[in-house]
Amino acid sequence: MSQNYDRLVQAVNDVRDDVEKADGGNKAATARVRKAMMDVKNIAQDIRKEMLEKRDSGGSPPAKPAPGSGAPKPGPGAGGPKPGGPGSMPGGGGFKPGGSGLR
């Protein structure tokens, strides 16, 4: 395990009592929890950077997705204007900047 991961686990464990106190209405404990959560966020960011460095340094190759596990591809006619959508009314329809809306 990385040192940063161990730091993250320790930071979360250290703040446990203050979270319980904050749940009980202790305002000073809420401030301590907020500060601890900023530390957790920063440690998590360090772990993320560390993992990206490992990935980019030629570690094990990324796993390939299983066939058919991706998002479905749009079928024919997907995208583009839809019948009855904005601009389909005679005379252009829709919002016209500066217009009064009355015809």
C-alpha atoms as a PDB file:
ATOM      1  CA  MET A   1       0.000   0.000   0.000  1.00  0.00           C
ATOM      2  CA  SER A   2       1.099   3.522  -0.601  1.00  0.00           C
ATOM      3  CA  GLN A   3       1.965   5.865   2.235  1.00  0.00           C
ATOM      4  CA  ASN A   4      -0.711   8.266   0.990  1.00  0.00           C
ATOM      5  CA  TYR A   5      -3.380   5.586   1.261  1.00  0.00           C
ATOM      6  CA  ASP A   6      -2.309   4.857   4.824  1.00  0.00           C
ATOM      7  CA  ARG A   7      -2.468   8.606   5.560  1.00  0.00           C
ATOM      8  CA  LEU A   8      -5.998   8.733   4.120  1.00  0.00           C
ATOM      9  CA  VAL A   9      -7.195   5.848   6.281  1.00  0.00           C
ATOM     10  CA  GLN A  10      -5.607   7.422   9.353  1.00  0.00           C
ATOM     11  CA  ALA A  11      -7.178  10.829   8.633  1.00  0.00           C
ATOM     12  CA  VAL A  12     -10.654   9.293   8.315  1.00  0.00           C
ATOM     13  CA  ASN A  13     -10.198   7.250  11.491  1.00  0.00           C
ATOM     14  CA  ASP A  14      -8.914  10.284  13.394  1.00  0.00           C
ATOM     15  CA  VAL A  15     -12.004  12.367  12.626  1.00  0.00           C
ATOM     16  CA  ARG A  16     -14.550   9.684  13.587  1.00  0.00           C
ATOM     17  CA  ASP A  17     -15.143  11.002  17.130  1.00  0.00           C
ATOM     18  CA  ASP A  18     -15.612  14.553  15.882  1.00  0.00           C
ATOM     19  CA  VAL A  19     -18.163  13.390  13.294  1.00  0.00           C
ATOM     20  CA  GLU A  20     -20.201  11.802  16.082  1.00  0.00           C
ATOM     21  CA  LYS A  21     -19.918  14.976  18.173  1.00  0.00           C
ATOM     22  CA  ALA A  22     -20.946  17.091  15.179  1.00  0.00           C
ATOM     23  CA  ASP A  23     -23.977  14.853  14.640  1.00  0.00           C
ATOM     24  CA  GLY A  24     -24.881  15.604  18.251  1.00  0.00           C
ATOM     25  CA  GLY A  25     -24.875  19.346  17.554  1.00  0.00           C
ATOM     26  CA  ASN A  26     -21.364  20.313  18.664  1.00  0.00           C
ATOM     27  CA  LYS A  27     -20.481  23.317  16.476  1.00  0.00           C
ATOM     28  CA  ALA A  28     -16.764  23.218  17.286  1.00  0.00           C
ATOM     29  CA  ALA A  29     -16.679  19.590  16.143  1.00  0.00           C
ATOM     30  CA  THR A  30     -18.294  20.548  12.805  1.00  0.00           C
ATOM     31  CA  ALA A  31     -15.419  22.960  12.161  1.00  0.00           C
ATOM     32  CA  ARG A  32     -12.878  20.246  12.964  1.00  0.00           C
ATOM     33  CA  VAL A  33     -14.685  17.808  10.646  1.00  0.00           C
ATOM     34  CA  ARG A  34     -14.711  20.338   7.803  1.00  0.00           C
ATOM     35  CA  LYS A  35     -10.979  20.918   8.219  1.00  0.00           C
ATOM     36  CA  ALA A  36     -10.307  17.177   8.352  1.00  0.00           C
ATOM     37  CA  MET A  37     -12.360  16.669   5.186  1.00  0.00           C
ATOM     38  CA  MET A  38     -10.183  19.221   3.385  1.00  0.00           C
ATOM     39  CA  ASP A  39      -7.168  17.183   4.476  1.00  0.00           C
ATOM     40  CA  VAL A  40      -8.879  14.005   3.216  1.00  0.00           C
ATOM     41  CA  LYS A  41      -9.561  15.714  -0.107  1.00  0.00           C
ATOM     42  CA  ASN A  42      -5.931  16.756  -0.456  1.00  0.00           C
ATOM     43  CA  ILE A  43      -4.628  13.309   0.443  1.00  0.00           C
ATOM     44  CA  ALA A  44      -7.053  11.732  -2.026  1.00  0.00           C
ATOM     45  CA  GLN A  45      -5.737  14.082  -4.720  1.00  0.00           C
ATOM     46  CA  ASP A  46      -2.184  12.976  -3.877  1.00  0.00           C
ATOM     47  CA  ILE A  47      -3.257   9.346  -4.272  1.00  0.00           C
ATOM     48  CA  ARG A  48      -4.851  10.159  -7.611  1.00  0.00           C
ATOM     49  CA  LYS A  49      -1.650  11.789  -8.845  1.00  0.00           C
ATOM     50  CA  GLU A  50       0.371   8.842  -7.604  1.00  0.00           C
ATOM     51  CA  MET A  51      -1.857   6.395  -9.481  1.00  0.00           C
ATOM     52  CA  LEU A  52      -1.633   8.452 -12.676  1.00  0.00           C
ATOM     53  CA  GLU A  53       2.162   8.452 -12.388  1.00  0.00           C
ATOM     54  CA  LYS A  54       2.158   4.678 -11.980  1.00  0.00           C
ATOM     55  CA  ARG A  55      -0.112   4.321 -15.000  1.00  0.00           C
ATOM     56  CA  ASP A  56       1.991   6.621 -17.155  1.00  0.00           C
ATOM     57  CA  SER A  57       5.319   5.106 -16.093  1.00  0.00           C
ATOM     58  CA  GLY A  58       4.538   1.876 -17.883  1.00  0.00           C
ATOM     59  CA  GLY A  59       2.964  -0.154 -15.119  1.00  0.00           C
ATOM     60  CA  SER A  60       0.560  -2.919 -16.001  1.00  0.00           C
ATOM     61  CA  PRO A  61      -1.477  -2.204 -19.145  1.00  0.00           C
ATOM     62  CA  PRO A  62      -5.025  -0.981 -18.637  1.00  0.00           C
ATOM     63  CA  ALA A  63      -7.724  -3.620 -18.867  1.00  0.00           C
ATOM     64  CA  LYS A  64      -9.682  -3.690 -22.112  1.00  0.00           C
ATOM     65  CA  PRO A  65     -13.456  -3.318 -21.776  1.00  0.00           C
ATOM     66  CA  ALA A  66     -15.499  -6.429 -22.432  1.00  0.00           C
ATOM     67  CA  PRO A  67     -17.135  -6.575 -25.867  1.00  0.00           C
ATOM     68  CA  GLY A  68     -20.547  -4.969 -25.849  1.00  0.00           C
ATOM     69  CA  SER A  69     -19.989  -3.266 -22.492  1.00  0.00           C
ATOM     70  CA  GLY A  70     -19.784   0.237 -23.949  1.00  0.00           C
ATOM     71  CA  ALA A  71     -22.599   2.719 -24.304  1.00  0.00           C
ATOM     72  CA  PRO A  72     -25.130   1.894 -27.030  1.00  0.00           C
ATOM     73  CA  LYS A  73     -24.444   3.579 -30.316  1.00  0.00           C
ATOM     74  CA  PRO A  74     -27.183   5.852 -31.662  1.00  0.00           C
ATOM     75  CA  GLY A  75     -29.282   4.321 -34.384  1.00  0.00           C
ATOM     76  CA  PRO A  76     -30.298   5.900 -37.674  1.00  0.00           C
ATOM     77  CA  GLY A  77     -32.029   9.222 -37.325  1.00  0.00           C
ATOM     78  CA  ALA A  78     -30.483   9.904 -33.924  1.00  0.00           C
ATOM     79  CA  GLY A  79     -29.655  13.521 -33.303  1.00  0.00           C
ATOM     80  CA  GLY A  80     -30.681  16.406 -35.495  1.00  0.00           C
ATOM     81  CA  PRO A  81     -33.913  18.387 -35.259  1.00  0.00           C
ATOM     82  CA  LYS A  82     -37.004  16.551 -34.098  1.00  0.00           C
ATOM     83  CA  PRO A  83     -40.424  17.006 -35.743  1.00  0.00           C
ATOM     84  CA  GLY A  84     -42.454  19.504 -33.790  1.00  0.00           C
ATOM     85  CA  GLY A  85     -39.374  20.940 -32.124  1.00  0.00           C
ATOM     86  CA  PRO A  86     -38.382  24.616 -32.005  1.00  0.00           C
ATOM     87  CA  GLY A  87     -38.355  26.247 -35.396  1.00  0.00           C
ATOM     88  CA  SER A  88     -40.885  23.842 -36.897  1.00  0.00           C
ATOM     89  CA  MET A  89     -43.770  26.335 -36.793  1.00  0.00           C
ATOM     90  CA  PRO A  90     -44.613  28.287 -39.928  1.00  0.00           C
ATOM     91  CA  GLY A  91     -42.950  31.665 -39.792  1.00  0.00           C
ATOM     92  CA  GLY A  92     -40.001  30.382 -37.778  1.00  0.00           C
ATOM     93  CA  GLY A  93     -41.730  30.130 -34.379  1.00  0.00           C
ATOM     94  CA  GLY A  94     -39.619  30.070 -31.273  1.00  0.00           C
ATOM     95  CA  PHE A  95     -38.104  32.988 -29.375  1.00  0.00           C
ATOM     96  CA  LYS A  96     -36.953  36.048 -31.258  1.00  0.00           C
ATOM     97  CA  PRO A  97     -34.784  38.509 -29.338  1.00  0.00           C
ATOM     98  CA  GLY A  98     -36.232  41.981 -29.304  1.00  0.00           C
ATOM     99  CA  GLY A  99     -39.657  40.813 -30.439  1.00  0.00           C
ATOM    100  CA  SER A 100     -42.789  41.563 -28.485  1.00  0.00           C
ATOM    101  CA  GLY A 101     -44.099  38.035 -28.843  1.00  0.00           C
ATOM    102  CA  LEU A 102     -47.299  39.406 -30.428  1.00  0.00           C
ATOM    103  CA  ARG A 103     -48.109  38.936 -34.080  1.00  0.00           C
END
